[in-house]
Amino acid sequence: IDGSGIYDANFTVNATGGNVTFTGAGTLKIGATVTSTSTSLGTLSTGAGTVWYDGGAITIVTDTYNNLRVSQANTKGTAGNINVNGTMTVDKYCIFDTETYTTTVTGASDINGTLKGSTGTYDANGSFDATLGYVTFTGAGTLALGSTVTSLGTFTKSTSTVKYDGTSAQTVNANTYYNLTIENASTKTAGGNLTVAGALTTEAEASCKL
């Protein structure tokens, strides 16, 4: 997909044995099923472009993406660990479900819909903003936050752990947590009143402070 071009696939996608290559800020839109949750995007570019799941309820292909976007009023589930080198975007009304797996995002996370997890992990190493969205746990999952946190949106804690693990100073979002963990050699400052229903843990490191 050259430049800023768009390939809009509204039927079955099968790139098994092939390549999906972006040369710039192009977009692959997937509006239907893919033939396999592990191989149907073939060898996928990870340094450019956006893969956008914009159709019905579907399982996200287990892969490494540059930018990943999900939309429409349904659930986009996972069947394995997902890596996003760039930006992760969840559009309004859409639910992105980590289920029991790990989704790791190096760039920004923009949650305008719902980020959902049971026992899985969402590891946000870049900025995290759910101002217009929801973060919903149904079990003992983990949300790891490594950079600036603008908002956790409407937050449902269940028995989850929220971990602030940035290596630079962070502000801890004023919220009600189940477990709250502070890690790495930096100062974490409360952005308001914090309520912890379970365990409050700070890493055994002299420079790790709340």
Protein backbone atom coordinates (compact mmCIF):
# COMPACT_ATOMS: atom_id res chain seq x y z
CA ILE A 1 0.00 0.00 0.00
CA ASP A 2 1.81 3.07 -1.27
CA GLY A 3 1.87 6.45 0.41
CA SER A 4 -1.42 7.34 2.09
CA GLY A 5 -3.46 4.89 0.02
CA ILE A 6 -6.30 2.78 1.45
CA TYR A 7 -7.05 -0.86 0.71
CA ASP A 8 -10.62 -1.51 1.91
CA ALA A 9 -11.22 -5.26 2.26
CA ASN A 10 -14.92 -5.93 2.82
CA PHE A 11 -14.68 -9.68 2.23
CA THR A 12 -12.41 -12.46 3.51
CA VAL A 13 -8.75 -11.51 3.91
CA ASN A 14 -6.08 -14.13 3.30
CA ALA A 15 -2.43 -13.12 2.92
CA THR A 16 -1.07 -16.47 4.10
CA GLY A 17 2.37 -16.91 2.56
CA GLY A 18 2.33 -13.35 1.22
CA ASN A 19 3.24 -9.84 2.33
CA VAL A 20 1.29 -6.78 3.43
CA THR A 21 3.67 -3.86 2.93
CA PHE A 22 3.18 -0.18 3.73
CA THR A 23 5.48 2.44 2.22
CA GLY A 24 3.93 5.34 4.16
CA ALA A 25 0.84 6.36 6.11
CA GLY A 26 -1.50 4.02 4.24
CA THR A 27 -4.39 2.02 5.68
CA LEU A 28 -5.58 -1.56 5.38
CA LYS A 29 -9.26 -1.68 6.39
CA ILE A 30 -10.57 -5.11 7.34
CA GLY A 31 -14.36 -5.25 7.35
CA ALA A 32 -14.92 -8.99 7.26
CA THR A 33 -13.35 -12.20 8.52
CA VAL A 34 -9.75 -13.27 8.19
CA THR A 35 -8.94 -16.88 7.47
CA SER A 36 -6.65 -17.43 10.43
CA THR A 37 -6.00 -15.54 13.63
CA SER A 38 -2.26 -16.15 13.34
CA THR A 39 -1.17 -16.15 9.69
CA SER A 40 -3.69 -14.45 7.40
CA LEU A 41 -1.90 -11.08 7.27
CA GLY A 42 1.21 -12.82 5.99
CA THR A 43 4.39 -10.85 6.61
CA LEU A 44 3.07 -7.51 7.85
CA SER A 45 4.95 -4.19 7.79
CA THR A 46 5.62 -3.01 11.33
CA GLY A 47 7.23 0.37 10.68
CA ALA A 48 4.51 2.21 8.76
CA GLY A 49 0.79 2.20 8.03
CA THR A 50 -2.40 1.43 9.94
CA VAL A 51 -4.46 -1.74 10.11
CA TRP A 52 -8.06 -0.78 10.85
CA TYR A 53 -10.63 -3.43 11.82
CA ASP A 54 -13.85 -1.62 10.88
CA GLY A 55 -16.37 -4.43 10.44
CA GLY A 56 -18.40 -6.74 12.64
CA ALA A 57 -17.32 -8.67 15.71
CA ILE A 58 -14.00 -10.27 14.84
CA THR A 59 -10.86 -11.70 16.40
CA ILE A 60 -7.80 -9.53 15.86
CA VAL A 61 -5.01 -11.34 14.06
CA THR A 62 -2.17 -12.17 16.45
CA ASP A 63 0.66 -10.08 15.04
CA THR A 64 2.87 -7.01 15.41
CA TYR A 65 1.31 -3.85 13.95
CA ASN A 66 2.52 -0.32 13.36
CA ASN A 67 -0.78 1.45 14.12
CA LEU A 68 -3.89 -0.52 15.08
CA ARG A 69 -7.43 0.88 15.04
CA VAL A 70 -10.77 -0.79 15.85
CA SER A 71 -14.26 0.60 15.28
CA GLN A 72 -18.01 -0.16 15.04
CA ALA A 73 -20.42 -1.05 17.86
CA ASN A 74 -19.19 -4.57 18.61
CA THR A 75 -16.35 -6.47 20.24
CA LYS A 76 -12.95 -7.01 18.69
CA GLY A 77 -11.39 -9.88 20.61
CA THR A 78 -7.89 -11.36 20.75
CA ALA A 79 -6.57 -14.91 20.34
CA GLY A 80 -2.98 -14.22 21.35
CA ASN A 81 -0.53 -11.48 22.24
CA ILE A 82 -0.75 -8.26 20.20
CA ASN A 83 2.10 -5.77 19.72
CA VAL A 84 1.55 -2.22 18.45
CA ASN A 85 4.67 -0.23 17.64
CA GLY A 86 2.75 3.00 17.01
CA THR A 87 -0.70 4.18 18.08
CA MET A 88 -3.62 2.08 19.35
CA THR A 89 -7.06 3.63 18.74
CA VAL A 90 -10.39 2.29 20.01
CA ASP A 91 -13.24 4.24 18.43
CA LYS A 92 -16.47 5.22 20.19
CA TYR A 93 -18.91 2.32 20.80
CA CYS A 94 -16.25 -0.31 19.98
CA ILE A 95 -14.94 -2.78 22.58
CA PHE A 96 -11.34 -4.02 22.40
CA ASP A 97 -11.01 -7.13 24.58
CA THR A 98 -7.54 -8.32 25.66
CA GLU A 99 -9.21 -11.42 27.13
CA THR A 100 -6.45 -13.56 28.71
CA TYR A 101 -3.59 -12.26 26.55
CA THR A 102 -1.15 -9.34 26.52
CA THR A 103 -1.47 -6.30 24.28
CA THR A 104 1.67 -4.14 24.29
CA VAL A 105 1.51 -0.62 22.84
CA THR A 106 4.71 1.38 22.37
CA GLY A 107 3.03 4.56 21.17
CA ALA A 108 -0.08 6.39 22.32
CA SER A 109 -3.31 4.68 23.43
CA ASP A 110 -6.46 6.62 22.52
CA ILE A 111 -9.48 4.89 24.08
CA ASN A 112 -12.75 6.48 22.95
CA GLY A 113 -14.71 3.23 23.22
CA THR A 114 -14.05 0.45 25.75
CA LEU A 115 -10.83 -1.27 26.73
CA LYS A 116 -11.90 -4.56 28.32
CA GLY A 117 -9.95 -7.34 30.02
CA SER A 118 -10.49 -10.39 32.17
CA THR A 119 -7.11 -11.78 33.24
CA GLY A 120 -5.09 -10.31 30.37
CA THR A 121 -2.67 -7.38 30.34
CA TYR A 122 -2.75 -4.09 28.47
CA ASP A 123 0.75 -2.63 28.58
CA ALA A 124 0.67 1.04 27.56
CA ASN A 125 4.24 2.28 27.24
CA GLY A 126 3.19 5.56 25.60
CA SER A 127 0.59 8.12 26.65
CA PHE A 128 -2.83 6.83 27.69
CA ASP A 129 -6.10 8.74 27.29
CA ALA A 130 -9.56 7.26 27.92
CA THR A 131 -11.24 10.63 28.55
CA LEU A 132 -14.21 9.76 26.33
CA GLY A 133 -14.14 6.02 26.96
CA TYR A 134 -14.24 3.15 29.42
CA VAL A 135 -11.68 0.85 31.01
CA THR A 136 -13.52 -2.26 32.18
CA PHE A 137 -12.07 -5.25 34.00
CA THR A 138 -14.06 -8.41 34.66
CA GLY A 139 -11.28 -10.23 36.53
CA ALA A 140 -7.70 -9.98 37.78
CA GLY A 141 -6.22 -8.36 34.69
CA THR A 142 -3.48 -5.74 34.58
CA LEU A 143 -3.23 -2.26 33.10
CA ALA A 144 0.40 -1.12 32.97
CA LEU A 145 0.96 2.59 32.39
CA GLY A 146 4.43 3.75 31.41
CA SER A 147 3.94 7.40 30.45
CA THR A 148 1.47 10.28 30.80
CA VAL A 149 -2.04 9.27 31.84
CA THR A 150 -4.68 11.84 30.90
CA SER A 151 -7.68 9.83 32.09
CA LEU A 152 -8.85 6.29 32.83
CA GLY A 153 -12.32 7.25 31.64
CA THR A 154 -15.15 5.38 33.34
CA PHE A 155 -13.10 2.82 35.27
CA THR A 156 -14.44 -0.56 36.49
CA LYS A 157 -11.81 -2.20 38.68
CA SER A 158 -13.08 -5.74 39.49
CA THR A 159 -9.97 -7.48 40.95
CA SER A 160 -7.52 -5.84 38.57
CA THR A 161 -4.09 -4.32 39.09
CA VAL A 162 -3.15 -0.92 37.71
CA LYS A 163 0.59 -0.50 37.52
CA TYR A 164 2.39 2.82 37.05
CA ASP A 165 5.78 1.69 35.77
CA GLY A 166 7.24 4.70 33.98
CA THR A 167 10.95 5.44 34.33
CA SER A 168 10.18 9.17 34.53
CA ALA A 169 7.91 11.04 36.95
CA GLN A 170 4.20 10.23 36.57
CA THR A 171 0.93 11.52 37.99
CA VAL A 172 -1.28 8.74 39.39
CA ASN A 173 -4.84 9.27 38.21
CA ALA A 174 -7.24 10.08 41.07
CA ASN A 175 -9.44 6.99 41.12
CA THR A 176 -10.64 3.94 43.02
CA TYR A 177 -8.36 0.99 42.34
CA TYR A 178 -8.40 -2.63 43.42
CA ASN A 179 -4.62 -3.22 43.41
CA LEU A 180 -2.26 -0.31 42.75
CA THR A 181 1.43 -0.94 42.00
CA ILE A 182 4.22 1.62 41.71
CA GLU A 183 7.40 0.58 39.92
CA ASN A 184 10.75 1.89 38.63
CA ALA A 185 13.11 4.59 39.82
CA SER A 186 10.92 7.67 39.63
CA THR A 187 8.46 9.64 41.72
CA LYS A 188 4.76 9.04 41.20
CA THR A 189 2.55 11.90 42.42
CA ALA A 190 -1.10 11.43 43.36
CA GLY A 191 -3.34 13.51 41.11
CA GLY A 192 -6.02 13.61 43.82
CA ASN A 193 -7.57 11.22 46.31
CA LEU A 194 -6.63 7.58 45.78
CA THR A 195 -8.70 4.67 47.08
CA VAL A 196 -7.18 1.17 47.00
CA ALA A 197 -9.54 -1.69 47.81
CA GLY A 198 -6.84 -4.37 47.60
CA ALA A 199 -3.04 -4.03 47.85
CA LEU A 200 -0.87 -0.94 47.44
CA THR A 201 2.63 -2.03 46.39
CA THR A 202 5.78 -0.01 45.78
CA GLU A 203 8.82 -1.63 44.22
CA ALA A 204 11.75 -2.31 46.55
CA GLU A 205 13.91 0.40 45.03
CA ALA A 206 15.13 3.49 46.87
CA SER A 207 14.12 5.94 44.13
CA CYS A 208 10.63 4.48 43.65
CA LYS A 209 8.32 6.86 45.52
CA LEU A 210 4.63 7.64 45.78
